[in-house]
Amino acid sequence: EMRRKLDGGKFRMLNEQLYTSTGGDAFSTFQEDPELFDVYHQGFREQADKWPTNPLDTFIDYVKCVADALRRHPKAVVADFGCGDARLAESVPNTVHSFDLVSRKPHVTACNIADVPLKDASVDIGVYCLALMGTSIREYVREVYRVLKPGGVLKVAEVKSRFESESLGGIVGFVQILSKMGFDCKSKDERNKMFVLFEFVKSSRKPQNVRPVELKACEYKRR
């Protein structure tokens, strides 16, 4: 019990740190002490186990549907930004490029997700499932724009309360900023009490310069 409380405290501390760090700083911190990644993801899994649904399951189903639809064609290539334990890659037949701060599995590439080792316009579907953390969100969106093919799909899931940041202007503000950055919102699903799910498509518009994107930090209560 004591151990669980200590790990819970560490998880909350790491969570706070990730929400206030740049992508580069977060990468350095976790590379220096990869065990922090394990503590964080164990805490995250414990939180996710309490959710009635996990948005990642929705995205897995989506990729499977696309894979079925493209059966006669080459499979859609997916990039999973902030992949955690890489469950998406393990659940679908597609080529999935999985990125996170630390690699705990052979098919996960450790990197700052604002700078991934993929060629321009090489990906059909980009996924950010509860991974738009820290102060480099604008850079993350630019990077997924770079690697997506024209007309490529960006799937985003985030905790609803994170859109309550004053500088953002709510969910509408988030959609507007991504529009300026070259993404058209095809659908947004707010039916879940906890999460919002978005589907964006990479447009042919030239992205504009935008100010840094700020979402509210997600705080987990002490248990």
C-alpha atoms as a PDB file:
ATOM      1  CA  GLU A   1       0.000   0.000   0.000  1.00  0.00           C
ATOM      2  CA  MET A   2       2.847   2.361   0.952  1.00  0.00           C
ATOM      3  CA  ARG A   3       4.638   1.523  -2.296  1.00  0.00           C
ATOM      4  CA  ARG A   4       1.456   2.191  -4.276  1.00  0.00           C
ATOM      5  CA  LYS A   5       1.049   5.596  -2.617  1.00  0.00           C
ATOM      6  CA  LEU A   6       4.673   6.496  -3.323  1.00  0.00           C
ATOM      7  CA  ASP A   7       4.322   5.498  -6.976  1.00  0.00           C
ATOM      8  CA  GLY A   8       1.019   7.402  -7.182  1.00  0.00           C
ATOM      9  CA  GLY A   9       2.737  10.518  -5.833  1.00  0.00           C
ATOM     10  CA  LYS A  10       5.586  10.090  -8.302  1.00  0.00           C
ATOM     11  CA  PHE A  11       3.106   9.671 -11.163  1.00  0.00           C
ATOM     12  CA  ARG A  12       1.335  12.927 -10.268  1.00  0.00           C
ATOM     13  CA  MET A  13       4.674  14.738 -10.025  1.00  0.00           C
ATOM     14  CA  LEU A  14       5.824  13.389 -13.416  1.00  0.00           C
ATOM     15  CA  ASN A  15       2.459  14.219 -14.915  1.00  0.00           C
ATOM     16  CA  GLU A  16       2.797  17.826 -13.758  1.00  0.00           C
ATOM     17  CA  GLN A  17       6.356  17.961 -15.085  1.00  0.00           C
ATOM     18  CA  LEU A  18       5.310  16.673 -18.524  1.00  0.00           C
ATOM     19  CA  TYR A  19       2.567  19.285 -18.799  1.00  0.00           C
ATOM     20  CA  THR A  20       5.025  22.112 -18.121  1.00  0.00           C
ATOM     21  CA  SER A  21       8.002  20.886 -20.220  1.00  0.00           C
ATOM     22  CA  THR A  22       8.954  21.317 -23.843  1.00  0.00           C
ATOM     23  CA  GLY A  23       9.152  18.149 -25.929  1.00  0.00           C
ATOM     24  CA  GLY A  24      12.956  18.393 -25.916  1.00  0.00           C
ATOM     25  CA  ASP A  25      13.199  18.743 -22.130  1.00  0.00           C
ATOM     26  CA  ALA A  26      10.779  15.856 -21.545  1.00  0.00           C
ATOM     27  CA  PHE A  27      12.834  13.663 -23.901  1.00  0.00           C
ATOM     28  CA  SER A  28      16.092  14.521 -22.070  1.00  0.00           C
ATOM     29  CA  THR A  29      14.556  13.865 -18.627  1.00  0.00           C
ATOM     30  CA  PHE A  30      13.210  10.432 -19.557  1.00  0.00           C
ATOM     31  CA  GLN A  31      16.346   9.425 -21.486  1.00  0.00           C
ATOM     32  CA  GLU A  32      18.457  10.208 -18.418  1.00  0.00           C
ATOM     33  CA  ASP A  33      16.210   8.082 -16.195  1.00  0.00           C
ATOM     34  CA  PRO A  34      14.087   5.675 -18.279  1.00  0.00           C
ATOM     35  CA  GLU A  35      12.543   4.169 -15.122  1.00  0.00           C
ATOM     36  CA  LEU A  36      10.529   7.382 -14.765  1.00  0.00           C
ATOM     37  CA  PHE A  37       8.782   6.380 -17.997  1.00  0.00           C
ATOM     38  CA  ASP A  38       7.768   3.062 -16.413  1.00  0.00           C
ATOM     39  CA  VAL A  39       6.426   4.780 -13.287  1.00  0.00           C
ATOM     40  CA  TYR A  40       4.497   7.265 -15.423  1.00  0.00           C
ATOM     41  CA  HIS A  41       2.933   4.644 -17.683  1.00  0.00           C
ATOM     42  CA  GLN A  42       2.056   2.341 -14.806  1.00  0.00           C
ATOM     43  CA  GLY A  43       0.211   5.275 -13.189  1.00  0.00           C
ATOM     44  CA  PHE A  44      -1.410   6.130 -16.511  1.00  0.00           C
ATOM     45  CA  ARG A  45      -2.604   2.526 -17.004  1.00  0.00           C
ATOM     46  CA  GLU A  46      -4.127   2.513 -13.512  1.00  0.00           C
ATOM     47  CA  GLN A  47      -6.036   5.693 -14.384  1.00  0.00           C
ATOM     48  CA  ALA A  48      -7.112   4.278 -17.759  1.00  0.00           C
ATOM     49  CA  ASP A  49      -8.445   1.101 -16.110  1.00  0.00           C
ATOM     50  CA  LYS A  50     -11.028   3.261 -14.309  1.00  0.00           C
ATOM     51  CA  TRP A  51     -12.356   4.865 -17.498  1.00  0.00           C
ATOM     52  CA  PRO A  52     -15.611   3.486 -18.908  1.00  0.00           C
ATOM     53  CA  THR A  53     -14.016   3.604 -22.377  1.00  0.00           C
ATOM     54  CA  ASN A  54     -10.499   4.204 -23.617  1.00  0.00           C
ATOM     55  CA  PRO A  55     -10.278   6.475 -26.697  1.00  0.00           C
ATOM     56  CA  LEU A  56      -7.404   4.367 -28.013  1.00  0.00           C
ATOM     57  CA  ASP A  57      -9.858   1.499 -28.616  1.00  0.00           C
ATOM     58  CA  THR A  58     -11.895   3.808 -30.866  1.00  0.00           C
ATOM     59  CA  PHE A  59      -8.775   4.664 -32.880  1.00  0.00           C
ATOM     60  CA  ILE A  60      -7.776   0.989 -33.146  1.00  0.00           C
ATOM     61  CA  ASP A  61     -11.241   0.200 -34.549  1.00  0.00           C
ATOM     62  CA  TYR A  62     -10.907   3.109 -37.004  1.00  0.00           C
ATOM     63  CA  VAL A  63      -7.539   1.893 -38.325  1.00  0.00           C
ATOM     64  CA  LYS A  64      -8.914  -1.658 -38.657  1.00  0.00           C
ATOM     65  CA  CYS A  65     -11.874  -0.314 -40.676  1.00  0.00           C
ATOM     66  CA  VAL A  66      -9.556   1.637 -42.958  1.00  0.00           C
ATOM     67  CA  ALA A  67      -7.341  -1.451 -43.337  1.00  0.00           C
ATOM     68  CA  ASP A  68     -10.393  -3.502 -44.364  1.00  0.00           C
ATOM     69  CA  ALA A  69     -11.521  -0.818 -46.819  1.00  0.00           C
ATOM     70  CA  LEU A  70      -8.038  -0.720 -48.372  1.00  0.00           C
ATOM     71  CA  ARG A  71      -7.689  -4.487 -48.579  1.00  0.00           C
ATOM     72  CA  ARG A  72      -7.146  -4.354 -52.339  1.00  0.00           C
ATOM     73  CA  HIS A  73      -4.633  -1.508 -52.004  1.00  0.00           C
ATOM     74  CA  PRO A  74      -1.464  -0.979 -49.986  1.00  0.00           C
ATOM     75  CA  LYS A  75      -2.289  -0.725 -46.295  1.00  0.00           C
ATOM     76  CA  ALA A  76      -2.588   2.723 -44.732  1.00  0.00           C
ATOM     77  CA  VAL A  77       0.613   3.763 -42.935  1.00  0.00           C
ATOM     78  CA  VAL A  78       0.048   5.053 -39.393  1.00  0.00           C
ATOM     79  CA  ALA A  79       2.183   7.226 -37.084  1.00  0.00           C
ATOM     80  CA  ASP A  80       1.348   6.990 -33.365  1.00  0.00           C
ATOM     81  CA  PHE A  81       2.743  10.018 -31.518  1.00  0.00           C
ATOM     82  CA  GLY A  82       3.184   9.407 -27.776  1.00  0.00           C
ATOM     83  CA  CYS A  83       2.374   5.727 -28.197  1.00  0.00           C
ATOM     84  CA  GLY A  84       2.957   4.580 -24.585  1.00  0.00           C
ATOM     85  CA  ASP A  85       2.987   0.786 -24.607  1.00  0.00           C
ATOM     86  CA  ALA A  86       2.347   0.754 -28.393  1.00  0.00           C
ATOM     87  CA  ARG A  87      -0.959  -1.110 -28.145  1.00  0.00           C
ATOM     88  CA  LEU A  88      -2.143   0.475 -31.405  1.00  0.00           C
ATOM     89  CA  ALA A  89       0.757  -1.066 -33.370  1.00  0.00           C
ATOM     90  CA  GLU A  90       0.119  -4.445 -31.740  1.00  0.00           C
ATOM     91  CA  SER A  91      -3.610  -4.389 -32.546  1.00  0.00           C
ATOM     92  CA  VAL A  92      -3.699  -3.641 -36.291  1.00  0.00           C
ATOM     93  CA  PRO A  93      -2.195  -5.222 -39.430  1.00  0.00           C
ATOM     94  CA  ASN A  94      -0.879  -1.892 -40.746  1.00  0.00           C
ATOM     95  CA  THR A  95       2.620  -0.491 -40.714  1.00  0.00           C
ATOM     96  CA  VAL A  96       2.594   1.684 -37.572  1.00  0.00           C
ATOM     97  CA  HIS A  97       5.474   3.996 -36.677  1.00  0.00           C
ATOM     98  CA  SER A  98       5.342   4.267 -32.870  1.00  0.00           C
ATOM     99  CA  PHE A  99       7.057   7.167 -31.101  1.00  0.00           C
ATOM    100  CA  ASP A 100       7.519   8.039 -27.437  1.00  0.00           C
ATOM    101  CA  LEU A 101      10.078   9.461 -25.015  1.00  0.00           C
ATOM    102  CA  VAL A 102      11.511   6.026 -24.171  1.00  0.00           C
ATOM    103  CA  SER A 103      11.507   2.781 -26.148  1.00  0.00           C
ATOM    104  CA  ARG A 104      10.430  -0.217 -24.092  1.00  0.00           C
ATOM    105  CA  LYS A 105       9.604  -2.352 -27.146  1.00  0.00           C
ATOM    106  CA  PRO A 106      11.683  -3.057 -30.270  1.00  0.00           C
ATOM    107  CA  HIS A 107       9.222  -1.351 -32.627  1.00  0.00           C
ATOM    108  CA  VAL A 108       9.019   1.900 -30.599  1.00  0.00           C
ATOM    109  CA  THR A 109      11.332   4.764 -31.576  1.00  0.00           C
ATOM    110  CA  ALA A 110      12.462   6.981 -28.691  1.00  0.00           C
ATOM    111  CA  CYS A 111      12.450  10.642 -29.717  1.00  0.00           C
ATOM    112  CA  ASN A 112      11.045  14.101 -29.132  1.00  0.00           C
ATOM    113  CA  ILE A 113       7.728  13.795 -30.984  1.00  0.00           C
ATOM    114  CA  ALA A 114       8.223  17.295 -32.431  1.00  0.00           C
ATOM    115  CA  ASP A 115      11.065  15.777 -34.483  1.00  0.00           C
ATOM    116  CA  VAL A 116      10.368  12.237 -35.697  1.00  0.00           C
ATOM    117  CA  PRO A 117      12.541  10.290 -38.166  1.00  0.00           C
ATOM    118  CA  LEU A 118       9.963  10.097 -40.974  1.00  0.00           C
ATOM    119  CA  LYS A 119      10.039  11.543 -44.478  1.00  0.00           C
ATOM    120  CA  ASP A 120       7.710  14.359 -45.528  1.00  0.00           C
ATOM    121  CA  ALA A 121       4.284  13.181 -46.723  1.00  0.00           C
ATOM    122  CA  SER A 122       4.928   9.516 -45.868  1.00  0.00           C
ATOM    123  CA  VAL A 123       1.974   8.731 -43.564  1.00  0.00           C
ATOM    124  CA  ASP A 124      -1.768   8.203 -44.164  1.00  0.00           C
ATOM    125  CA  ILE A 125      -3.013   8.464 -40.559  1.00  0.00           C
ATOM    126  CA  GLY A 126      -1.481  10.364 -37.626  1.00  0.00           C
ATOM    127  CA  VAL A 127      -2.658   9.619 -34.081  1.00  0.00           C
ATOM    128  CA  TYR A 128      -2.374  11.754 -30.935  1.00  0.00           C
ATOM    129  CA  CYS A 129      -4.241   9.826 -28.257  1.00  0.00           C
ATOM    130  CA  LEU A 130      -3.999  11.791 -24.975  1.00  0.00           C
ATOM    131  CA  ALA A 131      -0.492  12.823 -26.025  1.00  0.00           C
ATOM    132  CA  LEU A 132      -0.696  16.603 -26.632  1.00  0.00           C
ATOM    133  CA  MET A 133       1.194  17.348 -23.427  1.00  0.00           C
ATOM    134  CA  GLY A 134       3.631  20.051 -22.465  1.00  0.00           C
ATOM    135  CA  THR A 135       4.457  23.391 -24.020  1.00  0.00           C
ATOM    136  CA  SER A 136       5.370  22.191 -27.539  1.00  0.00           C
ATOM    137  CA  ILE A 137       1.874  21.354 -28.833  1.00  0.00           C
ATOM    138  CA  ARG A 138       2.229  23.759 -31.767  1.00  0.00           C
ATOM    139  CA  GLU A 139       5.457  21.989 -32.782  1.00  0.00           C
ATOM    140  CA  TYR A 140       3.786  18.565 -32.484  1.00  0.00           C
ATOM    141  CA  VAL A 141       0.986  19.665 -34.810  1.00  0.00           C
ATOM    142  CA  ARG A 142       3.512  21.070 -37.308  1.00  0.00           C
ATOM    143  CA  GLU A 143       5.377  17.769 -37.275  1.00  0.00           C
ATOM    144  CA  VAL A 144       2.308  15.648 -37.963  1.00  0.00           C
ATOM    145  CA  TYR A 145       1.413  18.082 -40.784  1.00  0.00           C
ATOM    146  CA  ARG A 146       4.883  17.535 -42.258  1.00  0.00           C
ATOM    147  CA  VAL A 147       4.716  13.720 -42.245  1.00  0.00           C
ATOM    148  CA  LEU A 148       1.082  13.337 -43.400  1.00  0.00           C
ATOM    149  CA  LYS A 149       0.312  12.903 -47.081  1.00  0.00           C
ATOM    150  CA  PRO A 150      -2.028  15.500 -48.651  1.00  0.00           C
ATOM    151  CA  GLY A 151      -5.530  14.473 -47.571  1.00  0.00           C
ATOM    152  CA  GLY A 152      -4.059  12.396 -44.723  1.00  0.00           C
ATOM    153  CA  VAL A 153      -6.066  11.979 -41.524  1.00  0.00           C
ATOM    154  CA  LEU A 154      -5.143  13.220 -38.033  1.00  0.00           C
ATOM    155  CA  LYS A 155      -7.000  11.572 -35.134  1.00  0.00           C
ATOM    156  CA  VAL A 156      -6.849  13.409 -31.796  1.00  0.00           C
ATOM    157  CA  ALA A 157      -8.310  12.428 -28.422  1.00  0.00           C
ATOM    158  CA  GLU A 158      -7.985  14.695 -25.398  1.00  0.00           C
ATOM    159  CA  VAL A 159      -9.498  15.109 -21.954  1.00  0.00           C
ATOM    160  CA  LYS A 160     -12.432  17.565 -22.161  1.00  0.00           C
ATOM    161  CA  SER A 161     -11.324  19.756 -19.268  1.00  0.00           C
ATOM    162  CA  ARG A 162      -8.049  20.549 -21.064  1.00  0.00           C
ATOM    163  CA  PHE A 163      -9.905  22.767 -23.550  1.00  0.00           C
ATOM    164  CA  GLU A 164     -11.012  25.123 -20.767  1.00  0.00           C
ATOM    165  CA  SER A 165      -7.799  27.143 -21.094  1.00  0.00           C
ATOM    166  CA  GLU A 166      -8.636  30.852 -21.454  1.00  0.00           C
ATOM    167  CA  SER A 167      -6.049  31.521 -24.150  1.00  0.00           C
ATOM    168  CA  LEU A 168      -7.424  28.676 -26.279  1.00  0.00           C
ATOM    169  CA  GLY A 169     -11.117  29.579 -26.491  1.00  0.00           C
ATOM    170  CA  GLY A 170     -12.447  26.086 -25.858  1.00  0.00           C
ATOM    171  CA  ILE A 171     -12.927  23.274 -28.349  1.00  0.00           C
ATOM    172  CA  VAL A 172     -13.956  25.804 -31.032  1.00  0.00           C
ATOM    173  CA  GLY A 173     -10.693  27.696 -30.497  1.00  0.00           C
ATOM    174  CA  PHE A 174      -8.681  24.481 -30.808  1.00  0.00           C
ATOM    175  CA  VAL A 175     -10.376  23.634 -34.120  1.00  0.00           C
ATOM    176  CA  GLN A 176      -9.736  27.191 -35.390  1.00  0.00           C
ATOM    177  CA  ILE A 177      -6.034  27.026 -34.510  1.00  0.00           C
ATOM    178  CA  LEU A 178      -5.629  23.677 -36.266  1.00  0.00           C
ATOM    179  CA  SER A 179      -7.441  25.135 -39.270  1.00  0.00           C
ATOM    180  CA  LYS A 180      -4.817  27.906 -39.404  1.00  0.00           C
ATOM    181  CA  MET A 181      -2.152  25.194 -39.178  1.00  0.00           C
ATOM    182  CA  GLY A 182      -3.542  23.443 -42.261  1.00  0.00           C
ATOM    183  CA  PHE A 183      -6.070  20.945 -40.879  1.00  0.00           C
ATOM    184  CA  ASP A 184      -9.798  20.785 -41.661  1.00  0.00           C
ATOM    185  CA  CYS A 185     -11.967  19.344 -38.887  1.00  0.00           C
ATOM    186  CA  LYS A 186     -14.110  16.570 -40.387  1.00  0.00           C
ATOM    187  CA  SER A 187     -15.738  15.487 -37.135  1.00  0.00           C
ATOM    188  CA  LYS A 188     -15.657  16.041 -33.408  1.00  0.00           C
ATOM    189  CA  ASP A 189     -17.306  13.725 -30.930  1.00  0.00           C
ATOM    190  CA  GLU A 190     -18.154  15.169 -27.513  1.00  0.00           C
ATOM    191  CA  ARG A 191     -20.554  12.414 -26.409  1.00  0.00           C
ATOM    192  CA  ASN A 192     -18.121  10.931 -23.923  1.00  0.00           C
ATOM    193  CA  LYS A 193     -18.162  12.627 -20.500  1.00  0.00           C
ATOM    194  CA  MET A 194     -14.368  12.633 -20.231  1.00  0.00           C
ATOM    195  CA  PHE A 195     -12.919  12.899 -23.727  1.00  0.00           C
ATOM    196  CA  VAL A 196     -13.286  14.717 -27.028  1.00  0.00           C
ATOM    197  CA  LEU A 197     -12.382  12.859 -30.226  1.00  0.00           C
ATOM    198  CA  PHE A 198     -11.467  14.765 -33.383  1.00  0.00           C
ATOM    199  CA  GLU A 199     -10.836  13.810 -36.976  1.00  0.00           C
ATOM    200  CA  PHE A 200      -8.869  16.323 -39.038  1.00  0.00           C
ATOM    201  CA  VAL A 201      -7.741  16.121 -42.654  1.00  0.00           C
ATOM    202  CA  LYS A 202      -4.561  17.731 -43.980  1.00  0.00           C
ATOM    203  CA  SER A 203      -5.677  20.429 -46.403  1.00  0.00           C
ATOM    204  CA  SER A 204      -3.777  21.929 -49.340  1.00  0.00           C
ATOM    205  CA  ARG A 205      -3.695  25.334 -47.591  1.00  0.00           C
ATOM    206  CA  LYS A 206      -0.330  26.715 -46.582  1.00  0.00           C
ATOM    207  CA  PRO A 207      -0.138  26.667 -42.759  1.00  0.00           C
ATOM    208  CA  GLN A 208      -0.055  30.082 -41.078  1.00  0.00           C
ATOM    209  CA  ASN A 209       2.143  31.085 -38.185  1.00  0.00           C
ATOM    210  CA  VAL A 210       0.230  30.749 -34.911  1.00  0.00           C
ATOM    211  CA  ARG A 211       1.053  31.504 -31.300  1.00  0.00           C
ATOM    212  CA  PRO A 212       1.970  28.560 -29.030  1.00  0.00           C
ATOM    213  CA  VAL A 213      -1.027  26.305 -28.365  1.00  0.00           C
ATOM    214  CA  GLU A 214      -1.924  25.955 -24.690  1.00  0.00           C
ATOM    215  CA  LEU A 215      -4.195  23.262 -23.305  1.00  0.00           C
ATOM    216  CA  LYS A 216      -4.893  23.062 -19.587  1.00  0.00           C
ATOM    217  CA  ALA A 217      -2.831  20.561 -17.630  1.00  0.00           C
ATOM    218  CA  CYS A 218      -4.678  17.420 -16.634  1.00  0.00           C
ATOM    219  CA  GLU A 219      -4.392  16.882 -12.887  1.00  0.00           C
ATOM    220  CA  TYR A 220      -4.997  13.526 -11.259  1.00  0.00           C
ATOM    221  CA  LYS A 221      -6.403  13.585  -7.753  1.00  0.00           C
ATOM    222  CA  ARG A 222      -4.694  11.806  -4.900  1.00  0.00           C
ATOM    223  CA  ARG A 223      -6.233   8.448  -4.159  1.00  0.00           C
END
